[in-house]
Amino acid sequence: MITGAASPSGEKYRISRLDILVGVAVFSANIVLRILTVGKAGLSLDEAASVWFCGQEWPAFVEFLGRDATPPLFSLMLRGWTSLFGISEIVVRLPSVIATSVTAAVVYFFGTRWMGRRTGLLAAMIFSLSPLQMTMSQTARVYSIAACFAAISMYFFVGFLRDGGRRWAVGLVLADLAIVYSNYVAGLLLVARCVALPFFGPRRWQRLPAFVALQVMVLLAFIPGLARIDANQVNEPGRWFDSPGIGAIWGIWTAVCGNQVLAVCFAVILIGGIVAAWVDRRRAETQLVETFAVWLSWGVGSIALAWIVSQWIPLFVPRYLTYVGAGVALSVAGAFTLMTTGRHQGLAWVGAAVVLCLSITAFRPSAPVIEDWPAAAEWIETHRRSDTKIIVSAGYQCRTLVYALNQDLFLQYQSPHRVWFDREGLVCVNAVDEEILASLETDHLLLVQSHARDVDPENTTAKVIENTYRQMEEHELPGITLGTYDRVAAASP
């Protein structure tokens, strides 16, 4: 019989001192785990765009908010943060570090309240060790913050349907608005969780009209945000990825879980939890089954819904689904609880140890370095001369090198979305032609080439340069090739 694992519900429930201490410990451990390496890597492509926007003067920043197709909440938050603490790799990523740490604590309290302390602690550990969450927590983008809002929203969602009350309603509306104004894709959570509504018992259904009214309020408050969505992005001919096939669902599940082994392990546990809930449905404690259904619709349902939507709108990439990570962690821990409650409690500790060991093996202590632009900047500084021209064949990723070379110059960058840039000896362009090369008028070139597939795939830049210059040195970095070139002397008549 499935019973006895959940914490009491209702208005009289109070968080114990032990749970507060554990929650603080979970938050602190996540802060330490992530802050040690948060400034190790240089800014990535999208991070540089965020920093550039927030570094502009207020009139330009407000103009950007008016034409940007993404929600404004994160940009406003980052603008306020950088106004207080300045701009550096560590500073711009700290909000993501803090948000992920808060999410881990919310996961613990969520699991503890509705399914017991063991479930909450296991879920918090799985979430904290997630490679995807680690990577996104060290990225100056909205994803970790949207995940935090998602966890808070789901907490109030369950609390409102189960206990009712004004504080649950206000918290739910505010958290939902924070989600949709931070990331449009995370807004799919509001739809996916509706799958769990039938699993709430008849006593909860009396609150459905009030819940629907609250969601209508959220929709009305989001009308200004809907007006910002550029309809051309939905069916534009130059989509930046193909519609994902069925196999992509497993790929995204693997990315969320950490690796193939964990993906299989988590899938088996979830299936086992579903079977346990079905077999013991007549005797199971209603609160456990309801909660598990909510978590399952969050973690798995959101992925399935994102896949369906991505057949028309380009959004099916792992980082956009960071917000489902807490739901996956909770649903795995909840399924494990359903399978091991009662006379099988001994299996719980063995299974939890196996899951955590697998999670630790998949864990990466820092985000992977795909292109080492800070190292490229150091190499340039040691090889440039007063007459040197630096050609950066890196497409949009030019901005990351400009930031590494000179922050002031970076903020003067014409636009983070423009490929062409020529300032103070630095020429950023996707590919160089003879006309551009002739305009440089220098005897010494430094060539910086990104390995990204969409940057000069025919290697046109190197071919054009070699007609006039001779390569003197070549240096390889992760994702980048650098070279020094001297002009070939004209032959004597």
Protein backbone atom coordinates (compact mmCIF):
# COMPACT_ATOMS: atom_id res chain seq x y z
CA MET A 1 0.00 0.00 0.00
CA ILE A 2 1.32 3.44 -0.92
CA THR A 3 0.91 5.60 2.13
CA GLY A 4 2.65 7.45 4.87
CA ALA A 5 5.35 9.26 2.89
CA ALA A 6 3.72 12.64 2.48
CA SER A 7 3.87 15.57 4.79
CA PRO A 8 0.60 16.96 6.08
CA SER A 9 -1.27 19.48 3.96
CA GLY A 10 -3.56 22.31 4.87
CA GLU A 11 -3.24 25.75 6.32
CA LYS A 12 -1.91 24.39 9.62
CA TYR A 13 1.19 22.97 7.98
CA ARG A 14 4.41 24.64 9.11
CA ILE A 15 7.94 24.09 7.84
CA SER A 16 10.03 22.57 10.61
CA ARG A 17 13.33 23.99 11.77
CA LEU A 18 15.08 20.92 10.42
CA ASP A 19 13.61 21.50 6.95
CA ILE A 20 14.67 25.14 7.06
CA LEU A 21 18.23 24.11 7.96
CA VAL A 22 18.29 21.50 5.20
CA GLY A 23 16.88 23.99 2.68
CA VAL A 24 19.55 26.55 3.59
CA ALA A 25 22.19 23.82 3.30
CA VAL A 26 20.91 22.84 -0.16
CA PHE A 27 20.98 26.50 -1.28
CA SER A 28 24.48 27.08 0.15
CA ALA A 29 25.89 23.88 -1.36
CA ASN A 30 24.59 24.91 -4.79
CA ILE A 31 26.10 28.38 -4.46
CA VAL A 32 29.52 26.95 -3.58
CA LEU A 33 29.28 24.23 -6.24
CA ARG A 34 28.65 26.76 -8.99
CA ILE A 35 30.48 29.90 -7.98
CA LEU A 36 33.86 28.18 -7.93
CA THR A 37 33.95 27.98 -11.73
CA VAL A 38 31.44 30.64 -12.78
CA GLY A 39 34.10 32.97 -14.21
CA LYS A 40 36.28 30.29 -15.76
CA ALA A 41 34.94 30.54 -19.32
CA GLY A 42 34.63 33.66 -21.44
CA LEU A 43 31.26 34.98 -22.55
CA SER A 44 29.42 32.82 -25.04
CA LEU A 45 27.63 34.08 -28.14
CA ASP A 46 24.23 34.75 -26.56
CA GLU A 47 25.70 35.95 -23.27
CA ALA A 48 27.56 38.68 -25.12
CA ALA A 49 24.28 39.84 -26.65
CA SER A 50 22.68 40.10 -23.20
CA VAL A 51 25.63 42.04 -21.81
CA TRP A 52 25.76 44.35 -24.83
CA PHE A 53 22.07 45.23 -24.52
CA CYS A 54 22.40 45.96 -20.81
CA GLY A 55 25.51 48.07 -21.31
CA GLN A 56 23.83 50.59 -23.60
CA GLU A 57 22.61 53.99 -22.49
CA TRP A 58 19.02 54.07 -21.27
CA PRO A 59 17.50 55.55 -24.48
CA ALA A 60 19.13 52.86 -26.63
CA PHE A 61 18.23 50.18 -24.09
CA VAL A 62 14.56 51.22 -24.02
CA GLU A 63 14.51 51.28 -27.82
CA PHE A 64 15.89 47.74 -27.84
CA LEU A 65 13.20 46.54 -25.44
CA GLY A 66 10.56 47.94 -27.76
CA ARG A 67 11.77 45.97 -30.79
CA ASP A 68 13.13 42.81 -29.17
CA ALA A 69 11.07 39.67 -29.82
CA THR A 70 11.86 38.14 -26.42
CA PRO A 71 10.21 39.00 -23.09
CA PRO A 72 11.72 42.00 -21.28
CA LEU A 73 11.95 40.75 -17.68
CA PHE A 74 15.43 39.25 -17.83
CA SER A 75 16.91 42.22 -19.69
CA LEU A 76 15.49 44.60 -17.10
CA MET A 77 16.81 42.45 -14.25
CA LEU A 78 20.28 42.18 -15.77
CA ARG A 79 20.33 45.90 -16.55
CA GLY A 80 19.60 46.73 -12.90
CA TRP A 81 22.14 44.17 -11.69
CA THR A 82 24.98 45.43 -13.89
CA SER A 83 24.14 49.04 -13.00
CA LEU A 84 24.86 48.15 -9.38
CA PHE A 85 27.83 45.79 -9.73
CA GLY A 86 29.40 46.51 -13.12
CA ILE A 87 30.15 44.08 -15.95
CA SER A 88 32.37 41.01 -15.73
CA GLU A 89 31.96 37.30 -16.44
CA ILE A 90 31.29 36.55 -12.76
CA VAL A 91 28.93 39.48 -12.16
CA VAL A 92 26.65 38.86 -15.14
CA ARG A 93 26.37 35.14 -14.32
CA LEU A 94 25.68 35.49 -10.61
CA PRO A 95 21.90 35.95 -11.08
CA SER A 96 21.80 32.56 -12.81
CA VAL A 97 23.87 30.98 -10.03
CA ILE A 98 21.55 32.40 -7.37
CA ALA A 99 18.41 31.42 -9.29
CA THR A 100 19.55 27.80 -9.70
CA SER A 101 20.43 27.59 -6.02
CA VAL A 102 17.01 28.94 -5.05
CA THR A 103 15.39 26.40 -7.39
CA ALA A 104 17.25 23.56 -5.67
CA ALA A 105 15.90 24.73 -2.30
CA VAL A 106 12.37 25.06 -3.72
CA VAL A 107 12.65 21.51 -5.08
CA TYR A 108 13.57 20.29 -1.60
CA PHE A 109 10.66 22.07 0.10
CA PHE A 110 8.27 21.02 -2.68
CA GLY A 111 9.19 17.35 -2.36
CA THR A 112 9.26 17.43 1.44
CA ARG A 113 5.86 19.04 1.84
CA TRP A 114 3.94 16.87 -0.60
CA MET A 115 5.80 13.54 -0.54
CA GLY A 116 8.14 13.48 2.44
CA ARG A 117 11.64 14.56 3.38
CA ARG A 118 13.35 11.60 1.67
CA THR A 119 11.70 12.50 -1.64
CA GLY A 120 12.56 16.18 -1.31
CA LEU A 121 16.21 15.52 -0.50
CA LEU A 122 16.63 13.00 -3.33
CA ALA A 123 14.99 15.38 -5.83
CA ALA A 124 17.17 18.30 -4.70
CA MET A 125 20.32 16.19 -5.12
CA ILE A 126 19.31 15.00 -8.60
CA PHE A 127 18.55 18.57 -9.65
CA SER A 128 21.76 19.98 -8.15
CA LEU A 129 23.93 17.41 -9.97
CA SER A 130 22.25 17.88 -13.35
CA PRO A 131 24.86 18.76 -16.02
CA LEU A 132 22.31 20.85 -17.92
CA GLN A 133 21.43 22.87 -14.81
CA MET A 134 25.14 23.31 -14.08
CA THR A 135 25.78 24.65 -17.57
CA MET A 136 22.80 26.99 -17.56
CA SER A 137 23.59 28.24 -14.04
CA GLN A 138 26.90 29.50 -15.42
CA THR A 139 25.29 31.28 -18.35
CA ALA A 140 24.19 34.91 -18.32
CA ARG A 141 20.86 34.12 -19.91
CA VAL A 142 17.29 33.77 -18.74
CA TYR A 143 17.03 29.98 -18.59
CA SER A 144 17.95 29.38 -14.95
CA ILE A 145 15.78 32.28 -13.83
CA ALA A 146 12.82 30.91 -15.81
CA ALA A 147 13.42 27.52 -14.17
CA CYS A 148 13.26 29.16 -10.75
CA PHE A 149 9.96 30.85 -11.57
CA ALA A 150 8.65 27.54 -12.92
CA ALA A 151 9.45 25.72 -9.67
CA ILE A 152 7.78 28.44 -7.60
CA SER A 153 4.75 28.44 -9.92
CA MET A 154 4.30 24.68 -9.60
CA TYR A 155 4.55 24.91 -5.83
CA PHE A 156 1.73 27.46 -5.72
CA PHE A 157 -0.22 25.49 -8.34
CA VAL A 158 -0.36 22.39 -6.13
CA GLY A 159 -0.97 24.47 -3.01
CA PHE A 160 -3.86 26.37 -4.55
CA LEU A 161 -5.69 23.31 -5.88
CA ARG A 162 -5.15 21.39 -2.66
CA ASP A 163 -5.59 24.02 0.06
CA GLY A 164 -7.06 27.09 -1.66
CA GLY A 165 -6.65 30.50 -0.09
CA ARG A 166 -5.66 33.99 -1.16
CA ARG A 167 -1.92 33.63 -0.61
CA TRP A 168 -1.76 30.59 -2.89
CA ALA A 169 -3.77 32.43 -5.57
CA VAL A 170 -1.63 35.57 -5.45
CA GLY A 171 1.59 33.54 -5.49
CA LEU A 172 0.38 31.49 -8.46
CA VAL A 173 -0.56 34.54 -10.55
CA LEU A 174 2.70 36.38 -9.83
CA ALA A 175 4.83 33.31 -10.55
CA ASP A 176 2.97 32.60 -13.80
CA LEU A 177 3.43 36.18 -14.96
CA ALA A 178 7.13 36.00 -14.10
CA ILE A 179 7.40 32.88 -16.28
CA VAL A 180 5.75 34.28 -19.39
CA TYR A 181 7.54 37.62 -19.11
CA SER A 182 10.91 35.92 -18.76
CA ASN A 183 10.79 33.19 -21.43
CA TYR A 184 8.04 32.38 -23.92
CA VAL A 185 8.99 28.70 -24.11
CA ALA A 186 8.76 28.30 -20.34
CA GLY A 187 5.18 29.47 -20.71
CA LEU A 188 4.44 26.02 -22.15
CA LEU A 189 4.54 24.81 -18.55
CA LEU A 190 1.23 26.56 -17.93
CA VAL A 191 -0.32 24.40 -20.66
CA ALA A 192 1.49 21.15 -19.83
CA ARG A 193 0.42 21.14 -16.20
CA CYS A 194 -3.24 21.06 -17.27
CA VAL A 195 -2.63 17.38 -18.05
CA ALA A 196 -2.44 16.81 -14.29
CA LEU A 197 -5.80 18.44 -13.51
CA PRO A 198 -7.89 15.24 -13.97
CA PHE A 199 -5.69 13.47 -11.40
CA PHE A 200 -6.79 15.78 -8.62
CA GLY A 201 -9.63 14.30 -6.62
CA PRO A 202 -13.24 15.59 -6.74
CA ARG A 203 -12.59 17.69 -3.63
CA ARG A 204 -10.03 19.68 -5.61
CA TRP A 205 -12.27 20.15 -8.65
CA GLN A 206 -14.38 22.68 -6.81
CA ARG A 207 -11.42 25.05 -7.14
CA LEU A 208 -11.11 24.58 -10.92
CA PRO A 209 -13.36 27.58 -11.77
CA ALA A 210 -11.21 29.79 -9.55
CA PHE A 211 -8.06 28.32 -11.14
CA VAL A 212 -9.38 29.02 -14.65
CA ALA A 213 -10.21 32.58 -13.60
CA LEU A 214 -6.65 33.05 -12.34
CA GLN A 215 -5.22 31.78 -15.65
CA VAL A 216 -7.47 34.19 -17.56
CA MET A 217 -6.07 36.99 -15.41
CA VAL A 218 -2.55 35.89 -16.34
CA LEU A 219 -3.48 35.81 -20.03
CA LEU A 220 -4.99 39.29 -19.89
CA ALA A 221 -1.95 40.66 -18.07
CA PHE A 222 0.25 39.09 -20.73
CA ILE A 223 -1.50 40.72 -23.69
CA PRO A 224 1.28 43.39 -23.98
CA GLY A 225 3.78 40.52 -24.13
CA LEU A 226 1.81 38.72 -26.82
CA ALA A 227 1.84 41.89 -28.90
CA ARG A 228 5.64 41.81 -28.84
CA ILE A 229 5.92 38.40 -30.48
CA ASP A 230 7.07 38.79 -34.06
CA ALA A 231 4.75 36.64 -36.17
CA ASN A 232 7.38 36.47 -38.89
CA GLN A 233 9.52 34.33 -36.61
CA VAL A 234 6.97 31.53 -36.72
CA ASN A 235 7.07 30.84 -40.45
CA GLU A 236 10.18 32.63 -41.60
CA PRO A 237 11.87 30.79 -44.51
CA GLY A 238 15.34 30.96 -42.93
CA ARG A 239 14.59 28.87 -39.83
CA TRP A 240 17.75 28.22 -37.86
CA PHE A 241 16.98 24.53 -37.41
CA ASP A 242 14.86 21.81 -38.98
CA SER A 243 11.70 20.54 -37.29
CA PRO A 244 12.82 17.79 -34.88
CA GLY A 245 11.79 14.21 -35.56
CA ILE A 246 10.61 11.59 -33.09
CA GLY A 247 14.21 10.71 -32.19
CA ALA A 248 14.78 14.27 -30.97
CA ILE A 249 12.51 13.62 -27.97
CA TRP A 250 14.95 11.03 -26.65
CA GLY A 251 17.82 13.38 -27.40
CA ILE A 252 16.29 16.17 -25.34
CA TRP A 253 15.43 13.72 -22.56
CA THR A 254 19.07 12.60 -22.51
CA ALA A 255 20.25 16.22 -22.38
CA VAL A 256 17.96 16.99 -19.44
CA CYS A 257 18.95 13.82 -17.56
CA GLY A 258 22.71 14.09 -18.15
CA ASN A 259 23.69 11.10 -20.29
CA GLN A 260 22.29 7.96 -21.92
CA VAL A 261 22.65 5.81 -18.81
CA LEU A 262 20.80 8.28 -16.60
CA ALA A 263 18.16 8.79 -19.30
CA VAL A 264 17.42 5.05 -19.34
CA CYS A 265 17.55 4.86 -15.53
CA PHE A 266 15.16 7.78 -15.04
CA ALA A 267 12.77 6.47 -17.72
CA VAL A 268 12.63 3.05 -16.03
CA ILE A 269 11.99 4.67 -12.63
CA LEU A 270 9.20 6.83 -14.03
CA ILE A 271 7.54 3.87 -15.71
CA GLY A 272 7.87 1.93 -12.45
CA GLY A 273 6.23 4.80 -10.57
CA ILE A 274 3.35 4.96 -13.03
CA VAL A 275 2.80 1.20 -12.74
CA ALA A 276 2.98 1.34 -8.93
CA ALA A 277 0.45 4.17 -8.81
CA TRP A 278 -1.92 2.30 -11.14
CA VAL A 279 -1.67 -1.10 -9.45
CA ASP A 280 -2.18 0.36 -5.98
CA ARG A 281 -4.58 3.10 -7.06
CA ARG A 282 -7.45 1.98 -4.81
CA ARG A 283 -5.37 1.99 -1.63
CA ALA A 284 -2.83 4.68 -2.50
CA GLU A 285 -2.82 7.94 -0.60
CA THR A 286 -4.47 10.42 -2.95
CA GLN A 287 -1.99 13.19 -2.19
CA LEU A 288 0.95 11.08 -3.39
CA VAL A 289 -0.64 10.16 -6.71
CA GLU A 290 -1.84 13.71 -7.35
CA THR A 291 1.57 15.16 -6.66
CA PHE A 292 3.35 12.60 -8.82
CA ALA A 293 0.97 13.36 -11.71
CA VAL A 294 1.73 17.08 -11.40
CA TRP A 295 5.48 16.51 -11.44
CA LEU A 296 5.21 14.09 -14.36
CA SER A 297 3.23 16.59 -16.44
CA TRP A 298 5.86 19.21 -15.62
CA GLY A 299 8.96 17.19 -16.50
CA VAL A 300 7.81 14.84 -19.25
CA GLY A 301 4.67 16.63 -20.43
CA SER A 302 6.49 19.88 -21.08
CA ILE A 303 9.10 18.12 -23.23
CA ALA A 304 6.39 16.42 -25.29
CA LEU A 305 4.48 19.68 -25.68
CA ALA A 306 7.62 21.55 -26.70
CA TRP A 307 8.27 18.91 -29.36
CA ILE A 308 4.77 19.34 -30.76
CA VAL A 309 5.01 23.13 -30.84
CA SER A 310 8.49 23.01 -32.37
CA GLN A 311 7.06 21.54 -35.57
CA TRP A 312 6.01 25.13 -36.37
CA ILE A 313 8.06 27.40 -34.09
CA PRO A 314 11.87 27.11 -33.67
CA LEU A 315 12.26 26.44 -29.95
CA PHE A 316 13.24 22.79 -29.48
CA VAL A 317 16.76 23.11 -28.09
CA PRO A 318 17.87 21.82 -24.65
CA ARG A 319 18.69 25.13 -23.03
CA TYR A 320 15.16 26.42 -23.66
CA LEU A 321 13.88 23.45 -21.65
CA THR A 322 16.04 24.09 -18.59
CA TYR A 323 12.85 24.82 -16.70
CA VAL A 324 11.72 21.15 -16.92
CA GLY A 325 14.79 19.95 -14.99
CA ALA A 326 13.22 20.51 -11.58
CA GLY A 327 10.10 18.64 -12.71
CA VAL A 328 12.20 15.70 -13.92
CA ALA A 329 14.09 15.55 -10.63
CA LEU A 330 10.88 15.67 -8.60
CA SER A 331 9.03 13.16 -10.78
CA VAL A 332 11.94 10.69 -10.60
CA ALA A 333 12.12 11.04 -6.82
CA GLY A 334 8.33 10.78 -6.57
CA ALA A 335 8.21 7.65 -8.73
CA PHE A 336 10.91 6.11 -6.61
CA THR A 337 8.88 6.89 -3.50
CA LEU A 338 5.76 5.29 -4.98
CA MET A 339 7.69 2.11 -5.74
CA THR A 340 9.48 1.80 -2.40
CA THR A 341 7.04 3.08 0.24
CA GLY A 342 5.91 0.62 2.93
CA ARG A 343 7.57 -2.75 3.21
CA HIS A 344 10.05 -1.90 0.45
CA GLN A 345 11.64 1.05 2.22
CA GLY A 346 14.98 -0.74 2.32
CA LEU A 347 15.07 -0.63 -1.47
CA ALA A 348 14.67 3.13 -1.31
CA TRP A 349 18.13 3.68 0.15
CA VAL A 350 19.77 1.26 -2.29
CA GLY A 351 18.01 2.78 -5.27
CA ALA A 352 18.69 6.34 -4.14
CA ALA A 353 22.40 5.50 -3.78
CA VAL A 354 22.47 4.09 -7.33
CA VAL A 355 20.68 7.12 -8.80
CA LEU A 356 22.97 9.58 -7.02
CA CYS A 357 26.10 7.67 -8.03
CA LEU A 358 24.99 7.77 -11.66
CA SER A 359 24.23 11.48 -11.33
CA ILE A 360 27.68 12.17 -9.89
CA THR A 361 29.36 10.35 -12.78
CA ALA A 362 27.45 12.54 -15.27
CA PHE A 363 28.10 15.76 -13.38
CA ARG A 364 30.46 18.34 -14.89
CA PRO A 365 31.99 20.86 -12.45
CA SER A 366 31.81 23.68 -15.00
CA ALA A 367 30.28 24.54 -18.34
CA PRO A 368 32.25 23.11 -21.28
CA VAL A 369 34.47 25.53 -23.22
CA ILE A 370 33.36 25.41 -26.85
CA GLU A 371 35.34 28.42 -28.10
CA ASP A 372 38.08 29.89 -25.92
CA TRP A 373 37.83 33.59 -26.81
CA PRO A 374 39.73 34.89 -23.73
CA ALA A 375 42.71 32.77 -24.76
CA ALA A 376 42.36 34.09 -28.31
CA ALA A 377 42.44 37.66 -26.96
CA GLU A 378 45.65 36.93 -25.04
CA TRP A 379 47.24 35.46 -28.17
CA ILE A 380 46.27 38.53 -30.19
CA GLU A 381 47.76 40.92 -27.63
CA THR A 382 51.11 39.11 -27.79
CA HIS A 383 51.22 39.11 -31.61
CA ARG A 384 49.77 42.46 -32.64
CA ARG A 385 51.86 45.45 -33.73
CA SER A 386 50.98 49.09 -34.13
CA ASP A 387 50.08 48.55 -37.81
CA THR A 388 48.35 45.19 -37.35
CA LYS A 389 44.88 44.54 -38.68
CA ILE A 390 42.93 41.76 -37.01
CA ILE A 391 40.46 39.90 -39.22
CA VAL A 392 37.90 37.92 -37.25
CA SER A 393 36.03 35.42 -39.40
CA ALA A 394 33.52 34.39 -36.76
CA GLY A 395 30.13 35.71 -37.82
CA TYR A 396 28.00 36.79 -34.87
CA GLN A 397 30.55 35.35 -32.49
CA CYS A 398 32.81 38.32 -33.19
CA ARG A 399 31.15 40.01 -30.25
CA THR A 400 32.66 37.54 -27.78
CA LEU A 401 36.18 38.34 -28.95
CA VAL A 402 35.51 42.07 -28.92
CA TYR A 403 34.38 41.76 -25.30
CA ALA A 404 37.52 39.78 -24.39
CA LEU A 405 39.77 42.38 -26.06
CA ASN A 406 38.18 45.62 -24.89
CA GLN A 407 34.96 46.08 -22.91
CA ASP A 408 34.64 49.74 -23.87
CA LEU A 409 35.02 48.86 -27.55
CA PHE A 410 32.51 46.06 -27.06
CA LEU A 411 29.83 48.46 -25.84
CA GLN A 412 30.46 50.61 -28.94
CA TYR A 413 29.87 47.61 -31.18
CA GLN A 414 27.29 48.69 -33.79
CA SER A 415 24.88 45.89 -32.90
CA PRO A 416 25.38 42.40 -31.52
CA HIS A 417 23.51 41.05 -34.53
CA ARG A 418 25.65 42.69 -37.22
CA VAL A 419 28.46 40.72 -38.79
CA TRP A 420 30.43 43.65 -40.18
CA PHE A 421 32.51 45.72 -37.75
CA ASP A 422 35.70 47.74 -38.38
CA ARG A 423 37.09 49.67 -35.43
CA GLU A 424 40.60 50.27 -34.05
CA GLY A 425 42.29 47.66 -36.20
CA LEU A 426 39.65 45.02 -35.57
CA VAL A 427 37.72 43.79 -38.59
CA CYS A 428 34.81 41.45 -37.80
CA VAL A 429 33.26 39.85 -40.84
CA ASN A 430 31.84 36.48 -41.87
CA ALA A 431 34.11 36.15 -44.92
CA VAL A 432 36.71 38.46 -46.49
CA ASP A 433 36.74 39.33 -50.18
CA GLU A 434 39.40 41.11 -52.26
CA GLU A 435 37.75 44.52 -51.84
CA ILE A 436 37.75 44.31 -48.04
CA LEU A 437 41.34 43.07 -48.01
CA ALA A 438 42.54 45.91 -50.27
CA SER A 439 40.97 48.49 -47.95
CA LEU A 440 43.00 47.33 -44.93
CA GLU A 441 46.35 48.71 -46.21
CA THR A 442 48.61 46.81 -43.82
CA ASP A 443 51.63 44.54 -44.07
CA HIS A 444 50.73 42.46 -40.98
CA LEU A 445 47.52 40.52 -40.44
CA LEU A 446 46.17 38.39 -37.64
CA LEU A 447 43.44 36.00 -38.75
CA VAL A 448 40.98 34.58 -36.23
CA GLN A 449 38.64 31.90 -37.57
CA SER A 450 35.76 30.25 -35.75
CA HIS A 451 35.12 26.56 -36.37
CA ALA A 452 31.34 27.11 -36.33
CA ARG A 453 29.70 25.50 -39.36
CA ASP A 454 27.80 28.63 -40.40
CA VAL A 455 30.95 30.79 -40.50
CA ASP A 456 32.71 30.87 -43.88
CA PRO A 457 32.12 27.17 -44.70
CA GLU A 458 34.11 27.44 -47.96
CA ASN A 459 37.11 28.95 -46.12
CA THR A 460 36.96 31.92 -48.49
CA THR A 461 38.80 34.25 -46.10
CA ALA A 462 41.97 32.14 -45.89
CA LYS A 463 42.03 31.65 -49.67
CA VAL A 464 41.72 35.39 -50.35
CA ILE A 465 44.39 36.30 -47.81
CA GLU A 466 46.87 33.77 -49.16
CA ASN A 467 46.84 35.55 -52.52
CA THR A 468 48.54 38.58 -50.96
CA TYR A 469 49.96 37.41 -47.61
CA ARG A 470 52.11 34.53 -46.42
CA GLN A 471 51.25 32.64 -43.25
CA MET A 472 54.02 32.92 -40.67
CA GLU A 473 52.45 31.12 -37.69
CA GLU A 474 49.34 29.10 -36.83
CA HIS A 475 47.84 28.39 -33.43
CA GLU A 476 44.87 26.19 -32.44
CA LEU A 477 42.47 26.79 -29.54
CA PRO A 478 39.17 25.08 -28.69
CA GLY A 479 36.86 26.02 -31.55
CA ILE A 480 39.24 28.66 -32.98
CA THR A 481 42.18 28.80 -35.41
CA LEU A 482 44.58 31.78 -35.26
CA GLY A 483 47.34 32.76 -37.66
CA THR A 484 49.81 35.55 -38.38
CA TYR A 485 50.34 36.77 -41.97
CA ASP A 486 52.91 39.10 -43.57
CA ARG A 487 52.41 40.75 -46.93
CA VAL A 488 54.32 39.10 -49.75
CA ALA A 489 56.87 41.55 -51.20
CA ALA A 490 56.26 42.49 -54.80
CA ALA A 491 58.64 40.84 -57.22
CA SER A 492 61.39 43.04 -58.68
CA PRO A 493 60.99 43.89 -62.38
